[in-house]
Amino acid sequence: MGLFTRKITVNKAINQFRTSENAYLIDCREKSEYKNGHIGGAINYPVDKITVENILRRFPDKTSQFWIVGSYKQRPGTAVKKFKKLGYKNARFGGYMEEHHGMLTK
């Protein structure tokens, strides 16, 4: 494994989410951004709402896979770190919505 790892694109993360069992797609953007258009099946959890109480109550199974998407402003990497700190080892960077090519749900 090299020094630099490629970050997955948002479209690849969506494909992984849709083809995996026990997987979630988390959109860490602000609620208003999410309402303006999001990926079907994504769950909105803004970065500042990721707390022990909120996450453990909603996702008790820490072995689930989490693909976390965001925006350049609401960085998914920050959300991934928060999930991992809470013990969710399968939390992964899912890319930026600005790079998404495809239909969005409102």
C-alpha atoms as a PDB file:
ATOM      1  CA  MET A   1       0.000   0.000   0.000  1.00  0.00           C
ATOM      2  CA  GLY A   2       1.381   3.345  -0.987  1.00  0.00           C
ATOM      3  CA  LEU A   3       1.731   6.535   0.957  1.00  0.00           C
ATOM      4  CA  PHE A   4      -1.210   8.121  -0.794  1.00  0.00           C
ATOM      5  CA  THR A   5      -4.599   6.493  -1.045  1.00  0.00           C
ATOM      6  CA  ARG A   6      -7.189   7.636  -3.540  1.00  0.00           C
ATOM      7  CA  LYS A   7     -10.399   8.898  -2.084  1.00  0.00           C
ATOM      8  CA  ILE A   8     -13.494   7.247  -3.437  1.00  0.00           C
ATOM      9  CA  THR A   9     -15.820   9.302  -5.625  1.00  0.00           C
ATOM     10  CA  VAL A  10     -19.380   9.995  -4.557  1.00  0.00           C
ATOM     11  CA  ASN A  11     -20.800   7.901  -7.417  1.00  0.00           C
ATOM     12  CA  LYS A  12     -18.671   4.894  -6.401  1.00  0.00           C
ATOM     13  CA  ALA A  13     -19.791   5.320  -2.786  1.00  0.00           C
ATOM     14  CA  ILE A  14     -23.436   5.330  -3.906  1.00  0.00           C
ATOM     15  CA  ASN A  15     -22.840   2.104  -5.820  1.00  0.00           C
ATOM     16  CA  GLN A  16     -21.169   0.511  -2.776  1.00  0.00           C
ATOM     17  CA  PHE A  17     -24.085   1.594  -0.564  1.00  0.00           C
ATOM     18  CA  ARG A  18     -26.688   0.203  -2.951  1.00  0.00           C
ATOM     19  CA  THR A  19     -24.939  -3.140  -3.460  1.00  0.00           C
ATOM     20  CA  SER A  20     -23.959  -3.853   0.150  1.00  0.00           C
ATOM     21  CA  GLU A  21     -25.988  -5.334   2.948  1.00  0.00           C
ATOM     22  CA  ASN A  22     -26.185  -3.547   6.264  1.00  0.00           C
ATOM     23  CA  ALA A  23     -24.968  -0.280   4.746  1.00  0.00           C
ATOM     24  CA  TYR A  24     -26.015   3.337   5.184  1.00  0.00           C
ATOM     25  CA  LEU A  25     -25.404   6.438   3.129  1.00  0.00           C
ATOM     26  CA  ILE A  26     -25.010   9.423   5.446  1.00  0.00           C
ATOM     27  CA  ASP A  27     -25.260  12.959   4.057  1.00  0.00           C
ATOM     28  CA  CYS A  28     -23.454  15.243   6.513  1.00  0.00           C
ATOM     29  CA  ARG A  29     -24.502  18.521   4.881  1.00  0.00           C
ATOM     30  CA  GLU A  30     -26.764  21.067   6.551  1.00  0.00           C
ATOM     31  CA  LYS A  31     -30.483  20.283   6.518  1.00  0.00           C
ATOM     32  CA  SER A  32     -31.239  23.081   4.018  1.00  0.00           C
ATOM     33  CA  GLU A  33     -28.648  21.743   1.549  1.00  0.00           C
ATOM     34  CA  TYR A  34     -30.033  18.222   1.959  1.00  0.00           C
ATOM     35  CA  LYS A  35     -33.598  19.429   1.288  1.00  0.00           C
ATOM     36  CA  ASN A  36     -32.483  21.169  -1.916  1.00  0.00           C
ATOM     37  CA  GLY A  37     -31.384  17.824  -3.342  1.00  0.00           C
ATOM     38  CA  HIS A  38     -29.927  14.596  -1.996  1.00  0.00           C
ATOM     39  CA  ILE A  39     -29.223  11.047  -3.063  1.00  0.00           C
ATOM     40  CA  GLY A  40     -32.210   8.741  -2.668  1.00  0.00           C
ATOM     41  CA  GLY A  41     -31.848   6.622   0.457  1.00  0.00           C
ATOM     42  CA  ALA A  42     -29.367   8.979   2.119  1.00  0.00           C
ATOM     43  CA  ILE A  43     -29.891   9.864   5.781  1.00  0.00           C
ATOM     44  CA  ASN A  44     -29.184  13.445   6.761  1.00  0.00           C
ATOM     45  CA  TYR A  45     -26.905  13.870   9.787  1.00  0.00           C
ATOM     46  CA  PRO A  46     -25.212  17.280   9.733  1.00  0.00           C
ATOM     47  CA  VAL A  47     -21.681  17.179  11.134  1.00  0.00           C
ATOM     48  CA  ASP A  48     -22.645  19.189  14.231  1.00  0.00           C
ATOM     49  CA  LYS A  49     -25.502  16.734  15.033  1.00  0.00           C
ATOM     50  CA  ILE A  50     -23.192  13.712  15.185  1.00  0.00           C
ATOM     51  CA  THR A  51     -23.219  13.048  18.903  1.00  0.00           C
ATOM     52  CA  VAL A  52     -22.998   9.893  20.994  1.00  0.00           C
ATOM     53  CA  GLU A  53     -26.697  10.027  21.859  1.00  0.00           C
ATOM     54  CA  ASN A  54     -27.933  10.640  18.300  1.00  0.00           C
ATOM     55  CA  ILE A  55     -25.768   8.078  16.566  1.00  0.00           C
ATOM     56  CA  LEU A  56     -25.942   5.231  19.078  1.00  0.00           C
ATOM     57  CA  ARG A  57     -29.724   5.522  19.239  1.00  0.00           C
ATOM     58  CA  ARG A  58     -30.141   5.534  15.435  1.00  0.00           C
ATOM     59  CA  PHE A  59     -27.383   3.029  14.579  1.00  0.00           C
ATOM     60  CA  PRO A  60     -26.892   0.519  17.422  1.00  0.00           C
ATOM     61  CA  ASP A  61     -25.013  -1.956  15.178  1.00  0.00           C
ATOM     62  CA  LYS A  62     -21.445  -0.711  15.046  1.00  0.00           C
ATOM     63  CA  THR A  63     -20.535  -3.316  12.405  1.00  0.00           C
ATOM     64  CA  SER A  64     -22.695  -1.609   9.753  1.00  0.00           C
ATOM     65  CA  GLN A  65     -21.036   0.077   6.795  1.00  0.00           C
ATOM     66  CA  PHE A  66     -21.346   3.849   6.582  1.00  0.00           C
ATOM     67  CA  TRP A  67     -20.614   5.783   3.405  1.00  0.00           C
ATOM     68  CA  ILE A  68     -20.473   9.444   4.373  1.00  0.00           C
ATOM     69  CA  VAL A  69     -20.956  12.125   1.733  1.00  0.00           C
ATOM     70  CA  GLY A  70     -20.810  15.862   2.207  1.00  0.00           C
ATOM     71  CA  SER A  71     -19.793  19.054   0.518  1.00  0.00           C
ATOM     72  CA  TYR A  72     -16.619  21.055   0.254  1.00  0.00           C
ATOM     73  CA  LYS A  73     -18.024  23.166   3.114  1.00  0.00           C
ATOM     74  CA  GLN A  74     -19.423  20.307   5.237  1.00  0.00           C
ATOM     75  CA  ARG A  75     -16.500  17.955   4.983  1.00  0.00           C
ATOM     76  CA  PRO A  76     -17.324  14.260   5.091  1.00  0.00           C
ATOM     77  CA  GLY A  77     -13.854  13.491   6.465  1.00  0.00           C
ATOM     78  CA  THR A  78     -14.783  15.273   9.694  1.00  0.00           C
ATOM     79  CA  ALA A  79     -17.957  13.182   9.987  1.00  0.00           C
ATOM     80  CA  VAL A  80     -15.994   9.969   9.329  1.00  0.00           C
ATOM     81  CA  LYS A  81     -13.609  10.834  12.183  1.00  0.00           C
ATOM     82  CA  LYS A  82     -16.555  11.426  14.525  1.00  0.00           C
ATOM     83  CA  PHE A  83     -18.150   8.081  13.611  1.00  0.00           C
ATOM     84  CA  LYS A  84     -14.838   6.262  14.083  1.00  0.00           C
ATOM     85  CA  LYS A  85     -14.293   7.939  17.440  1.00  0.00           C
ATOM     86  CA  LEU A  86     -17.684   6.514  18.490  1.00  0.00           C
ATOM     87  CA  GLY A  87     -16.504   3.008  17.544  1.00  0.00           C
ATOM     88  CA  TYR A  88     -17.928   2.680  14.024  1.00  0.00           C
ATOM     89  CA  LYS A  89     -14.894   1.186  12.295  1.00  0.00           C
ATOM     90  CA  ASN A  90     -16.664   0.790   8.936  1.00  0.00           C
ATOM     91  CA  ALA A  91     -17.311   4.508   8.446  1.00  0.00           C
ATOM     92  CA  ARG A  92     -15.837   5.603   5.121  1.00  0.00           C
ATOM     93  CA  PHE A  93     -15.381   8.765   3.131  1.00  0.00           C
ATOM     94  CA  GLY A  94     -18.021   8.826   0.390  1.00  0.00           C
ATOM     95  CA  GLY A  95     -17.116  11.903  -1.603  1.00  0.00           C
ATOM     96  CA  TYR A  96     -18.443  15.380  -2.243  1.00  0.00           C
ATOM     97  CA  MET A  97     -21.929  16.158  -3.520  1.00  0.00           C
ATOM     98  CA  GLU A  98     -20.504  18.842  -5.804  1.00  0.00           C
ATOM     99  CA  GLU A  99     -18.921  15.994  -7.790  1.00  0.00           C
ATOM    100  CA  HIS A 100     -22.129  13.923  -7.998  1.00  0.00           C
ATOM    101  CA  HIS A 101     -23.461  13.116 -11.472  1.00  0.00           C
ATOM    102  CA  GLY A 102     -26.992  11.836 -11.403  1.00  0.00           C
ATOM    103  CA  MET A 103     -30.506  12.348 -10.167  1.00  0.00           C
ATOM    104  CA  LEU A 104     -31.236  13.921  -6.822  1.00  0.00           C
ATOM    105  CA  THR A 105     -34.312  13.587  -4.611  1.00  0.00           C
ATOM    106  CA  LYS A 106     -36.047  16.563  -3.038  1.00  0.00           C
END
